[in-house]
Amino acid sequence: MAEKIKKCPICKKETMQEFRPFCSRQCKNIDLNRWLSGTYVVPGDELVNDQYSQQIDTESEET
């Protein structure tokens, strides 16, 4: 059975082992930037102000 050629999710070129699942460092960085900028999100429940968040808020007000 022939191995299916995997494609880069950013530019659709053939992937390179070093950067899998991407084809290059550039595409890898594009993907990272999309996660960090909020372009990609994982759906879930809206966060509520829990005890940990309240503790952080209190500490920041004290300084």
PDB file of N, CA and C in Angstrom:
ATOM      1  N   MET A   1       0.847  -1.174   0.000  1.00  0.00           N
ATOM      2  CA  MET A   1       0.000   0.000   0.000  1.00  0.00           C
ATOM      3  C   MET A   1       0.896   1.241   0.000  1.00  0.00           C
ATOM      4  N   ALA A   2       0.611   2.188  -0.839  1.00  0.00           N
ATOM      5  CA  ALA A   2       1.421   3.397  -0.962  1.00  0.00           C
ATOM      6  C   ALA A   2       1.150   4.325   0.218  1.00  0.00           C
ATOM      7  N   GLU A   3       2.226   4.980   0.684  1.00  0.00           N
ATOM      8  CA  GLU A   3       2.093   5.925   1.787  1.00  0.00           C
ATOM      9  C   GLU A   3       1.477   7.227   1.264  1.00  0.00           C
ATOM     10  N   LYS A   4       0.490   7.720   1.976  1.00  0.00           N
ATOM     11  CA  LYS A   4      -0.175   8.959   1.579  1.00  0.00           C
ATOM     12  C   LYS A   4       0.762  10.136   1.891  1.00  0.00           C
ATOM     13  N   ILE A   5       0.932  11.030   0.933  1.00  0.00           N
ATOM     14  CA  ILE A   5       1.782  12.197   1.130  1.00  0.00           C
ATOM     15  C   ILE A   5       1.026  13.191   1.994  1.00  0.00           C
ATOM     16  N   LYS A   6       1.675  13.588   3.084  1.00  0.00           N
ATOM     17  CA  LYS A   6       1.041  14.532   3.998  1.00  0.00           C
ATOM     18  C   LYS A   6       1.319  15.950   3.536  1.00  0.00           C
ATOM     19  N   LYS A   7       0.303  16.798   3.668  1.00  0.00           N
ATOM     20  CA  LYS A   7       0.383  18.180   3.203  1.00  0.00           C
ATOM     21  C   LYS A   7       0.425  19.133   4.394  1.00  0.00           C
ATOM     22  N   CYS A   8       1.154  20.219   4.234  1.00  0.00           N
ATOM     23  CA  CYS A   8       1.245  21.274   5.236  1.00  0.00           C
ATOM     24  C   CYS A   8      -0.143  21.924   5.384  1.00  0.00           C
ATOM     25  N   PRO A   9      -0.645  22.082   6.616  1.00  0.00           N
ATOM     26  CA  PRO A   9      -1.969  22.687   6.788  1.00  0.00           C
ATOM     27  C   PRO A   9      -2.012  24.179   6.438  1.00  0.00           C
ATOM     28  N   ILE A  10      -0.857  24.817   6.322  1.00  0.00           N
ATOM     29  CA  ILE A  10      -0.818  26.246   6.008  1.00  0.00           C
ATOM     30  C   ILE A  10      -0.770  26.481   4.504  1.00  0.00           C
ATOM     31  N   CYS A  11       0.226  25.877   3.813  1.00  0.00           N
ATOM     32  CA  CYS A  11       0.425  26.180   2.390  1.00  0.00           C
ATOM     33  C   CYS A  11       0.151  24.991   1.459  1.00  0.00           C
ATOM     34  N   LYS A  12      -0.115  23.818   2.031  1.00  0.00           N
ATOM     35  CA  LYS A  12      -0.465  22.595   1.284  1.00  0.00           C
ATOM     36  C   LYS A  12       0.713  21.959   0.533  1.00  0.00           C
ATOM     37  N   LYS A  13       1.950  22.395   0.813  1.00  0.00           N
ATOM     38  CA  LYS A  13       3.116  21.730   0.237  1.00  0.00           C
ATOM     39  C   LYS A  13       3.387  20.445   1.010  1.00  0.00           C
ATOM     40  N   GLU A  14       4.235  19.592   0.472  1.00  0.00           N
ATOM     41  CA  GLU A  14       4.607  18.357   1.153  1.00  0.00           C
ATOM     42  C   GLU A  14       5.360  18.691   2.436  1.00  0.00           C
ATOM     43  N   THR A  15       5.056  17.972   3.512  1.00  0.00           N
ATOM     44  CA  THR A  15       5.696  18.253   4.796  1.00  0.00           C
ATOM     45  C   THR A  15       7.130  17.757   4.832  1.00  0.00           C
ATOM     46  N   MET A  16       7.898  18.337   5.748  1.00  0.00           N
ATOM     47  CA  MET A  16       9.272  17.909   5.993  1.00  0.00           C
ATOM     48  C   MET A  16       9.331  17.326   7.396  1.00  0.00           C
ATOM     49  N   GLN A  17      10.060  16.241   7.562  1.00  0.00           N
ATOM     50  CA  GLN A  17      10.144  15.556   8.846  1.00  0.00           C
ATOM     51  C   GLN A  17      10.530  16.512   9.976  1.00  0.00           C
ATOM     52  N   GLU A  18      11.458  17.410   9.720  1.00  0.00           N
ATOM     53  CA  GLU A  18      11.958  18.329  10.744  1.00  0.00           C
ATOM     54  C   GLU A  18      10.874  19.265  11.283  1.00  0.00           C
ATOM     55  N   PHE A  19       9.904  19.611  10.463  1.00  0.00           N
ATOM     56  CA  PHE A  19       8.892  20.599  10.851  1.00  0.00           C
ATOM     57  C   PHE A  19       7.487  20.036  10.932  1.00  0.00           C
ATOM     58  N   ARG A  20       7.314  18.719  10.876  1.00  0.00           N
ATOM     59  CA  ARG A  20       5.988  18.113  10.862  1.00  0.00           C
ATOM     60  C   ARG A  20       5.078  18.708  11.904  1.00  0.00           C
ATOM     61  N   PRO A  21       3.859  18.977  11.570  1.00  0.00           N
ATOM     62  CA  PRO A  21       3.149  18.658  10.342  1.00  0.00           C
ATOM     63  C   PRO A  21       3.274  19.737   9.283  1.00  0.00           C
ATOM     64  N   PHE A  22       4.246  20.623   9.427  1.00  0.00           N
ATOM     65  CA  PHE A  22       4.412  21.731   8.487  1.00  0.00           C
ATOM     66  C   PHE A  22       5.538  21.433   7.496  1.00  0.00           C
ATOM     67  N   CYS A  23       5.682  22.311   6.506  1.00  0.00           N
ATOM     68  CA  CYS A  23       6.711  22.111   5.489  1.00  0.00           C
ATOM     69  C   CYS A  23       7.973  22.918   5.778  1.00  0.00           C
ATOM     70  N   SER A  24       7.850  23.933   6.623  1.00  0.00           N
ATOM     71  CA  SER A  24       8.985  24.817   6.872  1.00  0.00           C
ATOM     72  C   SER A  24       8.817  25.518   8.211  1.00  0.00           C
ATOM     73  N   ARG A  25       9.877  26.149   8.659  1.00  0.00           N
ATOM     74  CA  ARG A  25       9.829  26.940   9.889  1.00  0.00           C
ATOM     75  C   ARG A  25       8.842  28.103   9.724  1.00  0.00           C
ATOM     76  N   GLN A  26       8.789  28.675   8.536  1.00  0.00           N
ATOM     77  CA  GLN A  26       7.882  29.798   8.288  1.00  0.00           C
ATOM     78  C   GLN A  26       6.426  29.383   8.525  1.00  0.00           C
ATOM     79  N   CYS A  27       6.018  28.259   7.964  1.00  0.00           N
ATOM     80  CA  CYS A  27       4.634  27.808   8.157  1.00  0.00           C
ATOM     81  C   CYS A  27       4.381  27.444   9.617  1.00  0.00           C
ATOM     82  N   LYS A  28       5.378  26.882  10.273  1.00  0.00           N
ATOM     83  CA  LYS A  28       5.264  26.556  11.691  1.00  0.00           C
ATOM     84  C   LYS A  28       5.040  27.834  12.500  1.00  0.00           C
ATOM     85  N   ASN A  29       5.764  28.895  12.178  1.00  0.00           N
ATOM     86  CA  ASN A  29       5.626  30.167  12.884  1.00  0.00           C
ATOM     87  C   ASN A  29       4.306  30.864  12.562  1.00  0.00           C
ATOM     88  N   ILE A  30       3.834  30.726  11.343  1.00  0.00           N
ATOM     89  CA  ILE A  30       2.524  31.282  10.978  1.00  0.00           C
ATOM     90  C   ILE A  30       1.442  30.645  11.841  1.00  0.00           C
ATOM     91  N   ASP A  31       1.502  29.332  11.993  1.00  0.00           N
ATOM     92  CA  ASP A  31       0.525  28.620  12.809  1.00  0.00           C
ATOM     93  C   ASP A  31       0.610  29.068  14.269  1.00  0.00           C
ATOM     94  N   LEU A  32       1.822  29.171  14.804  1.00  0.00           N
ATOM     95  CA  LEU A  32       2.000  29.621  16.181  1.00  0.00           C
ATOM     96  C   LEU A  32       1.418  31.020  16.371  1.00  0.00           C
ATOM     97  N   ASN A  33       1.685  31.919  15.439  1.00  0.00           N
ATOM     98  CA  ASN A  33       1.157  33.275  15.526  1.00  0.00           C
ATOM     99  C   ASN A  33      -0.371  33.274  15.521  1.00  0.00           C
ATOM    100  N   ARG A  34      -0.970  32.411  14.743  1.00  0.00           N
ATOM    101  CA  ARG A  34      -2.437  32.340  14.705  1.00  0.00           C
ATOM    102  C   ARG A  34      -3.006  31.918  16.060  1.00  0.00           C
ATOM    103  N   TRP A  35      -2.326  30.987  16.739  1.00  0.00           N
ATOM    104  CA  TRP A  35      -2.771  30.574  18.071  1.00  0.00           C
ATOM    105  C   TRP A  35      -2.586  31.713  19.063  1.00  0.00           C
ATOM    106  N   LEU A  36      -1.425  32.355  19.023  1.00  0.00           N
ATOM    107  CA  LEU A  36      -1.128  33.405  19.996  1.00  0.00           C
ATOM    108  C   LEU A  36      -1.974  34.657  19.802  1.00  0.00           C
ATOM    109  N   SER A  37      -2.359  34.949  18.578  1.00  0.00           N
ATOM    110  CA  SER A  37      -3.155  36.152  18.308  1.00  0.00           C
ATOM    111  C   SER A  37      -4.656  35.925  18.502  1.00  0.00           C
ATOM    112  N   GLY A  38      -5.066  34.678  18.730  1.00  0.00           N
ATOM    113  CA  GLY A  38      -6.476  34.387  18.958  1.00  0.00           C
ATOM    114  C   GLY A  38      -7.249  34.058  17.692  1.00  0.00           C
ATOM    115  N   THR A  39      -6.542  33.922  16.556  1.00  0.00           N
ATOM    116  CA  THR A  39      -7.213  33.536  15.317  1.00  0.00           C
ATOM    117  C   THR A  39      -7.799  32.128  15.460  1.00  0.00           C
ATOM    118  N   TYR A  40      -7.032  31.237  16.079  1.00  0.00           N
ATOM    119  CA  TYR A  40      -7.507  29.888  16.392  1.00  0.00           C
ATOM    120  C   TYR A  40      -7.971  29.891  17.842  1.00  0.00           C
ATOM    121  N   VAL A  41      -9.089  29.265  18.099  1.00  0.00           N
ATOM    122  CA  VAL A  41      -9.564  29.114  19.472  1.00  0.00           C
ATOM    123  C   VAL A  41     -10.158  27.724  19.636  1.00  0.00           C
ATOM    124  N   VAL A  42     -10.099  27.230  20.836  1.00  0.00           N
ATOM    125  CA  VAL A  42     -10.730  25.954  21.165  1.00  0.00           C
ATOM    126  C   VAL A  42     -12.045  26.298  21.847  1.00  0.00           C
ATOM    127  N   PRO A  43     -13.171  25.837  21.299  1.00  0.00           N
ATOM    128  CA  PRO A  43     -14.459  26.193  21.889  1.00  0.00           C
ATOM    129  C   PRO A  43     -14.616  25.602  23.286  1.00  0.00           C
ATOM    130  N   GLY A  44     -15.296  26.341  24.109  1.00  0.00           N
ATOM    131  CA  GLY A  44     -15.546  25.868  25.465  1.00  0.00           C
ATOM    132  C   GLY A  44     -16.441  26.847  26.188  1.00  0.00           C
ATOM    133  N   ASP A  45     -16.689  26.548  27.437  1.00  0.00           N
ATOM    134  CA  ASP A  45     -17.522  27.427  28.249  1.00  0.00           C
ATOM    135  C   ASP A  45     -16.771  28.717  28.555  1.00  0.00           C
ATOM    136  N   GLU A  46     -17.519  29.787  28.705  1.00  0.00           N
ATOM    137  CA  GLU A  46     -16.919  31.060  29.064  1.00  0.00           C
ATOM    138  C   GLU A  46     -16.324  30.945  30.466  1.00  0.00           C
ATOM    139  N   LEU A  47     -15.154  31.502  30.640  1.00  0.00           N
ATOM    140  CA  LEU A  47     -14.516  31.442  31.946  1.00  0.00           C
ATOM    141  C   LEU A  47     -15.240  32.337  32.929  1.00  0.00           C
ATOM    142  N   VAL A  48     -15.369  31.850  34.137  1.00  0.00           N
ATOM    143  CA  VAL A  48     -15.968  32.657  35.201  1.00  0.00           C
ATOM    144  C   VAL A  48     -14.870  33.054  36.164  1.00  0.00           C
ATOM    145  N   ASN A  49     -15.102  34.109  36.881  1.00  0.00           N
ATOM    146  CA  ASN A  49     -14.110  34.618  37.823  1.00  0.00           C
ATOM    147  C   ASN A  49     -14.023  33.648  39.003  1.00  0.00           C
ATOM    148  N   ASP A  50     -13.093  32.713  38.928  1.00  0.00           N
ATOM    149  CA  ASP A  50     -12.972  31.707  39.971  1.00  0.00           C
ATOM    150  C   ASP A  50     -12.067  32.208  41.101  1.00  0.00           C
ATOM    151  N   GLN A  51     -11.854  31.375  42.097  1.00  0.00           N
ATOM    152  CA  GLN A  51     -11.074  31.749  43.267  1.00  0.00           C
ATOM    153  C   GLN A  51      -9.645  32.132  42.891  1.00  0.00           C
ATOM    154  N   TYR A  52      -9.026  31.412  41.970  1.00  0.00           N
ATOM    155  CA  TYR A  52      -7.657  31.706  41.558  1.00  0.00           C
ATOM    156  C   TYR A  52      -7.574  33.078  40.901  1.00  0.00           C
ATOM    157  N   SER A  53      -8.514  33.388  40.014  1.00  0.00           N
ATOM    158  CA  SER A  53      -8.532  34.690  39.355  1.00  0.00           C
ATOM    159  C   SER A  53      -8.736  35.802  40.368  1.00  0.00           C
ATOM    160  N   GLN A  54      -9.593  35.585  41.351  1.00  0.00           N
ATOM    161  CA  GLN A  54      -9.829  36.590  42.377  1.00  0.00           C
ATOM    162  C   GLN A  54      -8.569  36.839  43.191  1.00  0.00           C
ATOM    163  N   GLN A  55      -7.802  35.780  43.457  1.00  0.00           N
ATOM    164  CA  GLN A  55      -6.557  35.920  44.203  1.00  0.00           C
ATOM    165  C   GLN A  55      -5.557  36.762  43.413  1.00  0.00           C
ATOM    166  N   ILE A  56      -5.452  36.539  42.123  1.00  0.00           N
ATOM    167  CA  ILE A  56      -4.552  37.312  41.279  1.00  0.00           C
ATOM    168  C   ILE A  56      -4.981  38.775  41.255  1.00  0.00           C
ATOM    169  N   ASP A  57      -6.280  39.020  41.111  1.00  0.00           N
ATOM    170  CA  ASP A  57      -6.796  40.381  41.101  1.00  0.00           C
ATOM    171  C   ASP A  57      -6.471  41.103  42.414  1.00  0.00           C
ATOM    172  N   THR A  58      -6.644  40.410  43.536  1.00  0.00           N
ATOM    173  CA  THR A  58      -6.371  40.993  44.862  1.00  0.00           C
ATOM    174  C   THR A  58      -4.895  41.332  45.005  1.00  0.00           C
ATOM    175  N   GLU A  59      -4.027  40.420  44.565  1.00  0.00           N
ATOM    176  CA  GLU A  59      -2.584  40.647  44.679  1.00  0.00           C
ATOM    177  C   GLU A  59      -2.134  41.819  43.819  1.00  0.00           C
ATOM    178  N   SER A  60      -2.712  41.960  42.621  1.00  0.00           N
ATOM    179  CA  SER A  60      -2.315  43.057  41.740  1.00  0.00           C
ATOM    180  C   SER A  60      -2.797  44.400  42.278  1.00  0.00           C
ATOM    181  N   GLU A  61      -3.915  44.423  42.998  1.00  0.00           N
ATOM    182  CA  GLU A  61      -4.406  45.670  43.572  1.00  0.00           C
ATOM    183  C   GLU A  61      -3.547  46.110  44.747  1.00  0.00           C
ATOM    184  N   GLU A  62      -2.939  45.168  45.467  1.00  0.00           N
ATOM    185  CA  GLU A  62      -2.129  45.467  46.634  1.00  0.00           C
ATOM    186  C   GLU A  62      -0.795  46.085  46.249  1.00  0.00           C
ATOM    187  N   THR A  63      -0.301  45.808  45.065  1.00  0.00           N
ATOM    188  CA  THR A  63       1.013  46.333  44.661  1.00  0.00           C
ATOM    189  C   THR A  63       0.930  47.671  43.993  1.00  0.00           C
TER     190      THR A  63
END
